[in-house]
Amino acid sequence: MGDEHLYQPLTKEDKITVVIYRIGIVLSSLIIAFVAYLSTDPSSCRGDAAAGLKFTVLIIALYAAVGMSVFFIHLYVSSFHRALKKLYFAALAALAALLISGKGDIFNILVHNPASLLLLLPLAGCLGFITAKEAFCFKLTEGYLLAFIMPLYLVILAAGAMTERGASYGLILISAMLILFTLRKAFMPLHFDIGDKSAYS
């Protein structure tokens, strides 16, 4: 569990890394919320190269935001952090595959080849790991739910077992839970994320 005690004074590096980690969480939530908003009118992106480019930029920004949290997360067990980084590198490889197969238009490939949504699973795994870690440390129950729902949502979409409206509602639900999670996490004292540095291994 997370420890809310202040064991050591925070260094400048401690403060910077925690802030970057939390900015990554905030940006991830905002980007997904904006994509959820766009999903309420998916026809606005069809056949529009500019809109497709906007979606692609948003997805790349989401990868960058999640990466901020992945590389600056504070974990007592270093093997967990190494595994998380490896998962993120797999997510970047999947992003490259999406960009290549979609010829730079990620929206187009996701819409016309739903199975390609499975390439987003490593990214969902990274974000889910982060939310589950915070849920474990600080009893943010929605973090556990997000870690389960986000990959499941992608699998159901990839299988074609969800209507367009259902997909939009699902993304809105995920977005709402992420915003709740972010509001509960972002304003915690910075030292909550550091804990007892002597316990790091």
N, C-alpha and C. Protein backbone atom coordinates (compact mmCIF):
# COMPACT_ATOMS: atom_id res chain seq x y z
N MET A 1 0.84 -1.19 0.00
CA MET A 1 0.00 0.00 0.00
C MET A 1 0.88 1.25 0.00
N GLY A 2 0.34 2.33 -0.50
CA GLY A 2 1.06 3.59 -0.50
C GLY A 2 1.20 4.13 0.91
N ASP A 3 2.30 4.79 1.15
CA ASP A 3 2.55 5.35 2.47
C ASP A 3 2.48 6.87 2.37
N GLU A 4 1.65 7.47 3.20
CA GLU A 4 1.45 8.91 3.13
C GLU A 4 2.39 9.68 4.04
N HIS A 5 3.31 8.97 4.71
CA HIS A 5 4.26 9.65 5.58
C HIS A 5 5.38 10.29 4.74
N LEU A 6 5.92 11.37 5.26
CA LEU A 6 7.07 12.02 4.63
C LEU A 6 8.32 11.48 5.31
N TYR A 7 9.03 10.56 4.64
CA TYR A 7 10.19 9.92 5.24
C TYR A 7 11.45 10.78 5.11
N GLN A 8 11.62 11.38 3.94
CA GLN A 8 12.79 12.22 3.70
C GLN A 8 12.32 13.49 2.99
N PRO A 9 13.04 14.59 3.20
CA PRO A 9 12.70 15.81 2.43
C PRO A 9 12.82 15.51 0.93
N LEU A 10 11.90 16.03 0.15
CA LEU A 10 11.94 15.78 -1.28
C LEU A 10 13.04 16.62 -1.93
N THR A 11 13.80 15.99 -2.80
CA THR A 11 14.80 16.70 -3.57
C THR A 11 14.13 17.38 -4.76
N LYS A 12 14.87 18.24 -5.43
CA LYS A 12 14.34 18.89 -6.64
C LYS A 12 13.99 17.83 -7.68
N GLU A 13 14.84 16.81 -7.80
CA GLU A 13 14.58 15.74 -8.76
C GLU A 13 13.30 14.99 -8.41
N ASP A 14 13.08 14.72 -7.12
CA ASP A 14 11.85 14.05 -6.68
C ASP A 14 10.63 14.83 -7.15
N LYS A 15 10.66 16.13 -6.90
CA LYS A 15 9.50 16.96 -7.23
C LYS A 15 9.26 17.00 -8.74
N ILE A 16 10.34 17.14 -9.51
CA ILE A 16 10.20 17.22 -10.96
C ILE A 16 9.64 15.92 -11.52
N THR A 17 10.16 14.78 -11.06
CA THR A 17 9.70 13.50 -11.59
C THR A 17 8.24 13.23 -11.25
N VAL A 18 7.84 13.59 -10.04
CA VAL A 18 6.44 13.39 -9.65
C VAL A 18 5.52 14.27 -10.49
N VAL A 19 5.93 15.51 -10.70
CA VAL A 19 5.11 16.44 -11.50
C VAL A 19 4.98 15.93 -12.93
N ILE A 20 6.09 15.47 -13.51
CA ILE A 20 6.03 14.95 -14.89
C ILE A 20 5.13 13.72 -14.96
N TYR A 21 5.26 12.84 -13.99
CA TYR A 21 4.42 11.63 -13.92
C TYR A 21 2.94 12.01 -13.89
N ARG A 22 2.61 12.98 -13.06
CA ARG A 22 1.20 13.36 -12.94
C ARG A 22 0.71 14.14 -14.15
N ILE A 23 1.57 14.94 -14.75
CA ILE A 23 1.18 15.63 -15.98
C ILE A 23 0.84 14.61 -17.06
N GLY A 24 1.60 13.52 -17.11
CA GLY A 24 1.30 12.46 -18.06
C GLY A 24 -0.08 11.88 -17.85
N ILE A 25 -0.45 11.68 -16.60
CA ILE A 25 -1.79 11.16 -16.28
C ILE A 25 -2.87 12.16 -16.69
N VAL A 26 -2.65 13.43 -16.36
CA VAL A 26 -3.63 14.47 -16.70
C VAL A 26 -3.81 14.56 -18.21
N LEU A 27 -2.71 14.61 -18.95
CA LEU A 27 -2.79 14.72 -20.41
C LEU A 27 -3.46 13.49 -21.02
N SER A 28 -3.14 12.32 -20.51
CA SER A 28 -3.77 11.09 -21.01
C SER A 28 -5.28 11.16 -20.86
N SER A 29 -5.72 11.61 -19.70
CA SER A 29 -7.16 11.71 -19.43
C SER A 29 -7.82 12.74 -20.34
N LEU A 30 -7.17 13.89 -20.51
CA LEU A 30 -7.74 14.93 -21.36
C LEU A 30 -7.82 14.50 -22.82
N ILE A 31 -6.79 13.82 -23.30
CA ILE A 31 -6.78 13.38 -24.70
C ILE A 31 -7.87 12.34 -24.93
N ILE A 32 -7.99 11.39 -24.03
CA ILE A 32 -9.03 10.37 -24.18
C ILE A 32 -10.41 11.00 -24.07
N ALA A 33 -10.55 12.01 -23.19
CA ALA A 33 -11.84 12.70 -23.08
C ALA A 33 -12.18 13.41 -24.39
N PHE A 34 -11.18 14.01 -25.02
CA PHE A 34 -11.43 14.71 -26.28
C PHE A 34 -11.77 13.73 -27.40
N VAL A 35 -11.09 12.60 -27.43
CA VAL A 35 -11.42 11.57 -28.42
C VAL A 35 -12.83 11.03 -28.18
N ALA A 36 -13.20 10.89 -26.90
CA ALA A 36 -14.55 10.44 -26.58
C ALA A 36 -15.58 11.46 -27.08
N TYR A 37 -15.27 12.73 -26.92
CA TYR A 37 -16.15 13.79 -27.44
C TYR A 37 -16.28 13.69 -28.95
N LEU A 38 -15.16 13.50 -29.63
CA LEU A 38 -15.20 13.36 -31.09
C LEU A 38 -16.00 12.14 -31.52
N SER A 39 -15.96 11.09 -30.68
CA SER A 39 -16.65 9.85 -31.05
C SER A 39 -18.17 10.01 -31.07
N THR A 40 -18.68 11.07 -30.47
CA THR A 40 -20.13 11.29 -30.49
C THR A 40 -20.61 11.69 -31.88
N ASP A 41 -19.66 12.09 -32.73
CA ASP A 41 -19.99 12.42 -34.12
C ASP A 41 -18.89 11.87 -35.03
N PRO A 42 -18.74 10.53 -35.10
CA PRO A 42 -17.65 9.93 -35.87
C PRO A 42 -17.72 10.25 -37.35
N SER A 43 -18.90 10.60 -37.87
CA SER A 43 -19.01 10.90 -39.30
C SER A 43 -18.20 12.13 -39.68
N SER A 44 -17.89 12.96 -38.69
CA SER A 44 -17.14 14.18 -38.98
C SER A 44 -15.70 13.88 -39.41
N CYS A 45 -15.24 12.65 -39.12
CA CYS A 45 -13.87 12.29 -39.48
C CYS A 45 -13.80 11.49 -40.77
N ARG A 46 -14.93 11.05 -41.28
CA ARG A 46 -14.92 10.20 -42.46
C ARG A 46 -14.67 11.02 -43.72
N GLY A 47 -13.70 10.57 -44.49
CA GLY A 47 -13.43 11.22 -45.76
C GLY A 47 -12.80 12.59 -45.63
N ASP A 48 -12.39 12.95 -44.45
CA ASP A 48 -11.80 14.27 -44.22
C ASP A 48 -10.35 14.06 -43.80
N ALA A 49 -9.43 14.37 -44.69
CA ALA A 49 -8.01 14.13 -44.41
C ALA A 49 -7.54 14.95 -43.22
N ALA A 50 -8.03 16.18 -43.10
CA ALA A 50 -7.61 17.04 -42.00
C ALA A 50 -8.07 16.46 -40.66
N ALA A 51 -9.31 15.95 -40.63
CA ALA A 51 -9.83 15.36 -39.40
C ALA A 51 -9.06 14.08 -39.06
N GLY A 52 -8.73 13.30 -40.10
CA GLY A 52 -7.95 12.09 -39.88
C GLY A 52 -6.58 12.41 -39.31
N LEU A 53 -5.97 13.48 -39.81
CA LEU A 53 -4.67 13.92 -39.31
C LEU A 53 -4.79 14.36 -37.85
N LYS A 54 -5.88 15.06 -37.53
CA LYS A 54 -6.10 15.51 -36.15
C LYS A 54 -6.18 14.32 -35.21
N PHE A 55 -6.91 13.28 -35.64
CA PHE A 55 -7.05 12.08 -34.81
C PHE A 55 -5.68 11.41 -34.63
N THR A 56 -4.91 11.32 -35.71
CA THR A 56 -3.59 10.70 -35.64
C THR A 56 -2.68 11.46 -34.68
N VAL A 57 -2.73 12.79 -34.75
CA VAL A 57 -1.92 13.61 -33.84
C VAL A 57 -2.35 13.37 -32.39
N LEU A 58 -3.65 13.26 -32.16
CA LEU A 58 -4.15 12.99 -30.80
C LEU A 58 -3.64 11.66 -30.28
N ILE A 59 -3.64 10.64 -31.13
CA ILE A 59 -3.19 9.32 -30.70
C ILE A 59 -1.70 9.35 -30.38
N ILE A 60 -0.92 10.01 -31.23
CA ILE A 60 0.52 10.12 -30.96
C ILE A 60 0.76 10.90 -29.66
N ALA A 61 -0.03 11.94 -29.44
CA ALA A 61 0.08 12.71 -28.19
C ALA A 61 -0.27 11.84 -26.99
N LEU A 62 -1.24 10.95 -27.16
CA LEU A 62 -1.61 10.03 -26.07
C LEU A 62 -0.45 9.11 -25.75
N TYR A 63 0.22 8.59 -26.77
CA TYR A 63 1.39 7.74 -26.54
C TYR A 63 2.46 8.52 -25.78
N ALA A 64 2.68 9.77 -26.15
CA ALA A 64 3.69 10.59 -25.48
C ALA A 64 3.30 10.83 -24.01
N ALA A 65 2.02 11.11 -23.77
CA ALA A 65 1.55 11.37 -22.41
C ALA A 65 1.70 10.14 -21.53
N VAL A 66 1.29 8.99 -22.05
CA VAL A 66 1.43 7.75 -21.28
C VAL A 66 2.91 7.47 -21.03
N GLY A 67 3.76 7.75 -22.04
CA GLY A 67 5.19 7.56 -21.88
C GLY A 67 5.77 8.39 -20.75
N MET A 68 5.28 9.61 -20.58
CA MET A 68 5.73 10.46 -19.48
C MET A 68 5.50 9.77 -18.14
N SER A 69 4.33 9.17 -18.00
CA SER A 69 4.01 8.49 -16.74
C SER A 69 4.79 7.19 -16.59
N VAL A 70 4.98 6.48 -17.70
CA VAL A 70 5.71 5.21 -17.65
C VAL A 70 7.15 5.42 -17.18
N PHE A 71 7.82 6.43 -17.72
CA PHE A 71 9.24 6.62 -17.42
C PHE A 71 9.49 7.34 -16.10
N PHE A 72 8.48 8.00 -15.55
CA PHE A 72 8.69 8.75 -14.31
C PHE A 72 7.87 8.21 -13.14
N ILE A 73 7.26 7.05 -13.31
CA ILE A 73 6.52 6.43 -12.22
C ILE A 73 7.51 5.99 -11.13
N HIS A 74 7.09 6.06 -9.88
CA HIS A 74 7.93 5.61 -8.77
C HIS A 74 7.41 4.26 -8.27
N LEU A 75 8.25 3.25 -8.45
CA LEU A 75 7.90 1.89 -8.03
C LEU A 75 8.99 1.36 -7.11
N TYR A 76 8.58 0.75 -6.02
CA TYR A 76 9.56 0.18 -5.10
C TYR A 76 10.33 -0.97 -5.73
N VAL A 77 9.67 -1.75 -6.58
CA VAL A 77 10.31 -2.92 -7.20
C VAL A 77 10.74 -2.56 -8.61
N SER A 78 12.04 -2.49 -8.83
CA SER A 78 12.57 -2.03 -10.12
C SER A 78 12.21 -2.98 -11.26
N SER A 79 12.04 -4.28 -10.96
CA SER A 79 11.70 -5.24 -12.02
C SER A 79 10.32 -4.92 -12.61
N PHE A 80 9.41 -4.38 -11.80
CA PHE A 80 8.11 -3.97 -12.31
C PHE A 80 8.26 -2.81 -13.29
N HIS A 81 9.15 -1.87 -12.94
CA HIS A 81 9.35 -0.71 -13.81
C HIS A 81 9.98 -1.14 -15.13
N ARG A 82 10.92 -2.07 -15.08
CA ARG A 82 11.53 -2.56 -16.31
C ARG A 82 10.50 -3.25 -17.20
N ALA A 83 9.63 -4.03 -16.57
CA ALA A 83 8.58 -4.71 -17.34
C ALA A 83 7.62 -3.71 -17.97
N LEU A 84 7.30 -2.66 -17.22
CA LEU A 84 6.40 -1.62 -17.74
C LEU A 84 7.04 -0.91 -18.93
N LYS A 85 8.33 -0.62 -18.83
CA LYS A 85 9.03 0.03 -19.94
C LYS A 85 9.03 -0.86 -21.18
N LYS A 86 9.25 -2.16 -20.99
CA LYS A 86 9.25 -3.09 -22.12
C LYS A 86 7.88 -3.11 -22.79
N LEU A 87 6.82 -3.07 -21.97
CA LEU A 87 5.47 -3.03 -22.51
C LEU A 87 5.26 -1.75 -23.32
N TYR A 88 5.82 -0.65 -22.83
CA TYR A 88 5.67 0.61 -23.55
C TYR A 88 6.42 0.58 -24.88
N PHE A 89 7.59 -0.03 -24.89
CA PHE A 89 8.33 -0.15 -26.15
C PHE A 89 7.55 -1.01 -27.14
N ALA A 90 6.85 -2.04 -26.62
CA ALA A 90 5.98 -2.85 -27.49
C ALA A 90 4.85 -1.99 -28.03
N ALA A 91 4.34 -1.06 -27.18
CA ALA A 91 3.28 -0.16 -27.62
C ALA A 91 3.78 0.76 -28.73
N LEU A 92 5.02 1.22 -28.62
CA LEU A 92 5.59 2.08 -29.66
C LEU A 92 5.76 1.31 -30.97
N ALA A 93 6.15 0.04 -30.88
CA ALA A 93 6.27 -0.79 -32.08
C ALA A 93 4.89 -0.96 -32.74
N ALA A 94 3.87 -1.13 -31.89
CA ALA A 94 2.51 -1.26 -32.41
C ALA A 94 2.05 0.04 -33.06
N LEU A 95 2.44 1.17 -32.47
CA LEU A 95 2.11 2.48 -33.06
C LEU A 95 2.75 2.61 -34.44
N ALA A 96 4.02 2.20 -34.55
CA ALA A 96 4.70 2.25 -35.84
C ALA A 96 3.96 1.38 -36.87
N ALA A 97 3.49 0.21 -36.43
CA ALA A 97 2.74 -0.67 -37.34
C ALA A 97 1.46 -0.01 -37.80
N LEU A 98 0.78 0.69 -36.90
CA LEU A 98 -0.45 1.41 -37.25
C LEU A 98 -0.17 2.52 -38.26
N LEU A 99 0.89 3.26 -38.02
CA LEU A 99 1.23 4.37 -38.92
C LEU A 99 1.61 3.86 -40.31
N ILE A 100 2.34 2.75 -40.35
CA ILE A 100 2.77 2.20 -41.64
C ILE A 100 1.58 1.62 -42.39
N SER A 101 0.77 0.79 -41.69
CA SER A 101 -0.37 0.15 -42.36
C SER A 101 -1.44 1.15 -42.75
N GLY A 102 -1.56 2.23 -41.98
CA GLY A 102 -2.56 3.25 -42.30
C GLY A 102 -2.00 4.38 -43.15
N LYS A 103 -0.73 4.25 -43.55
CA LYS A 103 -0.06 5.28 -44.36
C LYS A 103 -0.18 6.66 -43.70
N GLY A 104 0.02 6.65 -42.38
CA GLY A 104 0.00 7.90 -41.63
C GLY A 104 -1.36 8.29 -41.09
N ASP A 105 -2.40 7.56 -41.48
CA ASP A 105 -3.77 7.88 -41.04
C ASP A 105 -4.26 6.77 -40.13
N ILE A 106 -4.07 6.94 -38.82
CA ILE A 106 -4.44 5.91 -37.86
C ILE A 106 -5.95 5.71 -37.82
N PHE A 107 -6.70 6.81 -37.92
CA PHE A 107 -8.17 6.70 -37.87
C PHE A 107 -8.67 5.80 -38.99
N ASN A 108 -8.15 6.00 -40.16
CA ASN A 108 -8.60 5.23 -41.33
C ASN A 108 -8.37 3.74 -41.14
N ILE A 109 -7.19 3.35 -40.65
CA ILE A 109 -6.90 1.92 -40.49
C ILE A 109 -7.73 1.32 -39.36
N LEU A 110 -7.99 2.07 -38.29
CA LEU A 110 -8.79 1.55 -37.18
C LEU A 110 -10.25 1.35 -37.58
N VAL A 111 -10.76 2.27 -38.42
CA VAL A 111 -12.16 2.18 -38.84
C VAL A 111 -12.37 1.05 -39.85
N HIS A 112 -11.45 0.93 -40.81
CA HIS A 112 -11.65 -0.04 -41.88
C HIS A 112 -11.07 -1.42 -41.57
N ASN A 113 -10.28 -1.52 -40.54
CA ASN A 113 -9.74 -2.81 -40.12
C ASN A 113 -9.82 -2.91 -38.60
N PRO A 114 -11.00 -3.22 -38.06
CA PRO A 114 -11.19 -3.22 -36.61
C PRO A 114 -10.18 -4.09 -35.85
N ALA A 115 -9.68 -5.15 -36.49
CA ALA A 115 -8.71 -6.01 -35.80
C ALA A 115 -7.45 -5.23 -35.43
N SER A 116 -7.19 -4.14 -36.15
CA SER A 116 -6.00 -3.34 -35.86
C SER A 116 -6.10 -2.65 -34.49
N LEU A 117 -7.31 -2.60 -33.93
CA LEU A 117 -7.48 -2.04 -32.58
C LEU A 117 -6.68 -2.84 -31.55
N LEU A 118 -6.41 -4.09 -31.85
CA LEU A 118 -5.62 -4.91 -30.93
C LEU A 118 -4.21 -4.36 -30.76
N LEU A 119 -3.75 -3.59 -31.73
CA LEU A 119 -2.43 -2.98 -31.63
C LEU A 119 -2.38 -1.89 -30.55
N LEU A 120 -3.55 -1.48 -30.08
CA LEU A 120 -3.61 -0.49 -29.00
C LEU A 120 -3.55 -1.14 -27.62
N LEU A 121 -3.59 -2.48 -27.59
CA LEU A 121 -3.60 -3.18 -26.29
C LEU A 121 -2.36 -2.90 -25.44
N PRO A 122 -1.15 -2.88 -26.01
CA PRO A 122 0.00 -2.58 -25.15
C PRO A 122 -0.08 -1.19 -24.49
N LEU A 123 -0.60 -0.22 -25.23
CA LEU A 123 -0.77 1.12 -24.65
C LEU A 123 -1.81 1.09 -23.53
N ALA A 124 -2.92 0.40 -23.78
CA ALA A 124 -3.95 0.26 -22.74
C ALA A 124 -3.38 -0.47 -21.53
N GLY A 125 -2.48 -1.43 -21.78
CA GLY A 125 -1.85 -2.15 -20.68
C GLY A 125 -0.98 -1.24 -19.84
N CYS A 126 -0.25 -0.33 -20.50
CA CYS A 126 0.59 0.62 -19.77
C CYS A 126 -0.26 1.54 -18.89
N LEU A 127 -1.30 2.11 -19.49
CA LEU A 127 -2.15 3.02 -18.73
C LEU A 127 -2.90 2.26 -17.63
N GLY A 128 -3.31 1.04 -17.94
CA GLY A 128 -3.98 0.21 -16.94
C GLY A 128 -3.07 -0.14 -15.78
N PHE A 129 -1.79 -0.41 -16.07
CA PHE A 129 -0.83 -0.68 -15.00
C PHE A 129 -0.73 0.51 -14.07
N ILE A 130 -0.67 1.70 -14.65
CA ILE A 130 -0.55 2.93 -13.85
C ILE A 130 -1.78 3.12 -12.97
N THR A 131 -2.97 2.96 -13.55
CA THR A 131 -4.19 3.15 -12.75
C THR A 131 -4.32 2.08 -11.67
N ALA A 132 -3.92 0.84 -12.00
CA ALA A 132 -4.00 -0.24 -11.01
C ALA A 132 -3.00 -0.02 -9.88
N LYS A 133 -1.81 0.48 -10.23
CA LYS A 133 -0.80 0.77 -9.21
C LYS A 133 -1.32 1.82 -8.23
N GLU A 134 -1.94 2.86 -8.77
CA GLU A 134 -2.48 3.91 -7.90
C GLU A 134 -3.68 3.39 -7.10
N ALA A 135 -4.45 2.51 -7.72
CA ALA A 135 -5.59 1.92 -7.00
C ALA A 135 -5.10 1.11 -5.81
N PHE A 136 -4.03 0.35 -6.03
CA PHE A 136 -3.46 -0.47 -4.96
C PHE A 136 -2.88 0.40 -3.84
N CYS A 137 -2.17 1.45 -4.24
CA CYS A 137 -1.49 2.28 -3.26
C CYS A 137 -2.42 3.21 -2.48
N PHE A 138 -3.43 3.73 -3.17
CA PHE A 138 -4.24 4.79 -2.56
C PHE A 138 -5.74 4.52 -2.59
N LYS A 139 -6.12 3.27 -2.79
CA LYS A 139 -7.53 2.86 -2.75
C LYS A 139 -8.40 3.64 -3.74
N LEU A 140 -7.86 3.85 -4.94
CA LEU A 140 -8.62 4.50 -6.01
C LEU A 140 -9.28 3.38 -6.83
N THR A 141 -10.44 2.94 -6.36
CA THR A 141 -11.07 1.75 -6.93
C THR A 141 -11.26 1.83 -8.43
N GLU A 142 -11.55 3.02 -8.95
CA GLU A 142 -11.75 3.16 -10.39
C GLU A 142 -10.50 2.79 -11.17
N GLY A 143 -9.34 2.84 -10.52
CA GLY A 143 -8.09 2.46 -11.19
C GLY A 143 -8.09 0.99 -11.55
N TYR A 144 -8.58 0.13 -10.63
CA TYR A 144 -8.70 -1.30 -10.94
C TYR A 144 -9.68 -1.52 -12.09
N LEU A 145 -10.81 -0.83 -12.03
CA LEU A 145 -11.82 -0.99 -13.08
C LEU A 145 -11.28 -0.58 -14.44
N LEU A 146 -10.54 0.52 -14.48
CA LEU A 146 -9.96 0.98 -15.74
C LEU A 146 -8.96 -0.03 -16.29
N ALA A 147 -8.15 -0.61 -15.41
CA ALA A 147 -7.16 -1.59 -15.86
C ALA A 147 -7.82 -2.80 -16.50
N PHE A 148 -9.03 -3.11 -16.08
CA PHE A 148 -9.78 -4.24 -16.64
C PHE A 148 -10.58 -3.83 -17.86
N ILE A 149 -11.25 -2.68 -17.77
CA ILE A 149 -12.20 -2.28 -18.81
C ILE A 149 -11.50 -1.83 -20.10
N MET A 150 -10.39 -1.09 -20.00
CA MET A 150 -9.76 -0.56 -21.21
C MET A 150 -9.33 -1.65 -22.20
N PRO A 151 -8.60 -2.68 -21.76
CA PRO A 151 -8.25 -3.74 -22.71
C PRO A 151 -9.48 -4.52 -23.20
N LEU A 152 -10.43 -4.76 -22.30
CA LEU A 152 -11.64 -5.48 -22.68
C LEU A 152 -12.41 -4.71 -23.75
N TYR A 153 -12.49 -3.42 -23.59
CA TYR A 153 -13.18 -2.56 -24.57
C TYR A 153 -12.56 -2.71 -25.95
N LEU A 154 -11.23 -2.70 -26.01
CA LEU A 154 -10.54 -2.83 -27.30
C LEU A 154 -10.79 -4.19 -27.93
N VAL A 155 -10.78 -5.24 -27.11
CA VAL A 155 -11.00 -6.60 -27.63
C VAL A 155 -12.41 -6.73 -28.19
N ILE A 156 -13.39 -6.20 -27.47
CA ILE A 156 -14.78 -6.27 -27.93
C ILE A 156 -14.95 -5.49 -29.23
N LEU A 157 -14.34 -4.31 -29.30
CA LEU A 157 -14.40 -3.51 -30.53
C LEU A 157 -13.75 -4.25 -31.70
N ALA A 158 -12.58 -4.83 -31.45
CA ALA A 158 -11.85 -5.53 -32.50
C ALA A 158 -12.63 -6.73 -33.02
N ALA A 159 -13.45 -7.33 -32.14
CA ALA A 159 -14.25 -8.49 -32.54
C ALA A 159 -15.52 -8.07 -33.28
N GLY A 160 -15.77 -6.77 -33.37
CA GLY A 160 -16.95 -6.28 -34.05
C GLY A 160 -18.23 -6.54 -33.28
N ALA A 161 -18.10 -6.70 -31.95
CA ALA A 161 -19.26 -7.05 -31.13
C ALA A 161 -19.89 -5.83 -30.46
N MET A 162 -19.64 -4.64 -31.01
CA MET A 162 -20.19 -3.43 -30.42
C MET A 162 -20.62 -2.48 -31.53
N THR A 163 -21.78 -1.88 -31.35
CA THR A 163 -22.27 -0.92 -32.34
C THR A 163 -21.46 0.37 -32.25
N GLU A 164 -21.62 1.21 -33.26
CA GLU A 164 -20.92 2.49 -33.26
C GLU A 164 -21.34 3.33 -32.06
N ARG A 165 -22.61 3.33 -31.75
CA ARG A 165 -23.08 4.10 -30.59
C ARG A 165 -22.56 3.49 -29.30
N GLY A 166 -22.56 2.15 -29.24
CA GLY A 166 -22.04 1.48 -28.06
C GLY A 166 -20.57 1.78 -27.84
N ALA A 167 -19.81 1.84 -28.95
CA ALA A 167 -18.39 2.17 -28.86
C ALA A 167 -18.21 3.57 -28.30
N SER A 168 -19.05 4.49 -28.74
CA SER A 168 -18.97 5.87 -28.25
C SER A 168 -19.30 5.94 -26.77
N TYR A 169 -20.36 5.25 -26.36
CA TYR A 169 -20.74 5.24 -24.95
C TYR A 169 -19.65 4.61 -24.09
N GLY A 170 -19.05 3.54 -24.60
CA GLY A 170 -17.99 2.88 -23.86
C GLY A 170 -16.80 3.79 -23.64
N LEU A 171 -16.44 4.53 -24.68
CA LEU A 171 -15.31 5.45 -24.57
C LEU A 171 -15.64 6.60 -23.63
N ILE A 172 -16.87 7.05 -23.65
CA ILE A 172 -17.30 8.12 -22.73
C ILE A 172 -17.21 7.63 -21.29
N LEU A 173 -17.62 6.37 -21.05
CA LEU A 173 -17.54 5.80 -19.71
C LEU A 173 -16.08 5.73 -19.25
N ILE A 174 -15.21 5.23 -20.11
CA ILE A 174 -13.78 5.15 -19.77
C ILE A 174 -13.23 6.55 -19.48
N SER A 175 -13.61 7.51 -20.31
CA SER A 175 -13.15 8.88 -20.13
C SER A 175 -13.61 9.44 -18.78
N ALA A 176 -14.85 9.20 -18.43
CA ALA A 176 -15.38 9.71 -17.16
C ALA A 176 -14.64 9.11 -15.98
N MET A 177 -14.36 7.81 -16.07
CA MET A 177 -13.63 7.15 -14.98
C MET A 177 -12.20 7.67 -14.89
N LEU A 178 -11.58 7.92 -16.03
CA LEU A 178 -10.23 8.46 -16.04
C LEU A 178 -10.18 9.87 -15.44
N ILE A 179 -11.18 10.67 -15.74
CA ILE A 179 -11.22 12.03 -15.18
C ILE A 179 -11.39 11.96 -13.66
N LEU A 180 -12.27 11.07 -13.19
CA LEU A 180 -12.43 10.89 -11.75
C LEU A 180 -11.11 10.45 -11.12
N PHE A 181 -10.48 9.47 -11.74
CA PHE A 181 -9.19 8.97 -11.26
C PHE A 181 -8.16 10.10 -11.20
N THR A 182 -8.10 10.89 -12.26
CA THR A 182 -7.13 11.98 -12.34
C THR A 182 -7.37 13.04 -11.28
N LEU A 183 -8.62 13.41 -11.07
CA LEU A 183 -8.94 14.42 -10.07
C LEU A 183 -8.56 13.94 -8.67
N ARG A 184 -8.70 12.66 -8.43
CA ARG A 184 -8.36 12.13 -7.10
C ARG A 184 -6.85 11.97 -6.92
N LYS A 185 -6.15 11.74 -8.03
CA LYS A 185 -4.70 11.52 -7.95
C LYS A 185 -3.90 12.81 -8.05
N ALA A 186 -4.25 13.69 -8.96
CA ALA A 186 -3.39 14.82 -9.32
C ALA A 186 -3.12 15.78 -8.17
N PHE A 187 -4.04 15.87 -7.20
CA PHE A 187 -3.90 16.86 -6.15
C PHE A 187 -3.36 16.29 -4.84
N MET A 188 -2.89 15.04 -4.88
CA MET A 188 -2.27 14.47 -3.68
C MET A 188 -0.93 15.17 -3.42
N PRO A 189 -0.53 15.28 -2.16
CA PRO A 189 0.81 15.83 -1.87
C PRO A 189 1.88 15.07 -2.64
N LEU A 190 2.90 15.76 -3.10
CA LEU A 190 3.92 15.14 -3.94
C LEU A 190 4.62 13.98 -3.25
N HIS A 191 4.82 14.08 -1.94
CA HIS A 191 5.59 13.03 -1.27
C HIS A 191 4.86 11.70 -1.22
N PHE A 192 3.56 11.69 -1.49
CA PHE A 192 2.83 10.42 -1.53
C PHE A 192 3.42 9.49 -2.59
N ASP A 193 3.90 10.06 -3.69
CA ASP A 193 4.42 9.24 -4.79
C ASP A 193 5.83 8.72 -4.52
N ILE A 194 6.52 9.31 -3.56
CA ILE A 194 7.91 8.93 -3.29
C ILE A 194 7.99 7.86 -2.20
N GLY A 195 7.27 8.09 -1.12
CA GLY A 195 7.29 7.11 -0.01
C GLY A 195 8.66 7.02 0.63
N ASP A 196 9.01 5.82 1.03
CA ASP A 196 10.29 5.58 1.71
C ASP A 196 11.33 5.15 0.66
N LYS A 197 12.24 6.05 0.32
CA LYS A 197 13.21 5.75 -0.75
C LYS A 197 14.15 4.61 -0.39
N SER A 198 14.30 4.32 0.89
CA SER A 198 15.16 3.20 1.29
C SER A 198 14.57 1.84 0.90
N ALA A 199 13.28 1.85 0.55
CA ALA A 199 12.61 0.60 0.18
C ALA A 199 12.75 0.27 -1.31
N TYR A 200 13.29 1.19 -2.09
CA TYR A 200 13.44 0.94 -3.52
C TYR A 200 14.49 -0.13 -3.77
N SER A 201 14.20 -1.02 -4.71
CA SER A 201 15.15 -2.09 -5.02
C SER A 201 15.22 -2.32 -6.53
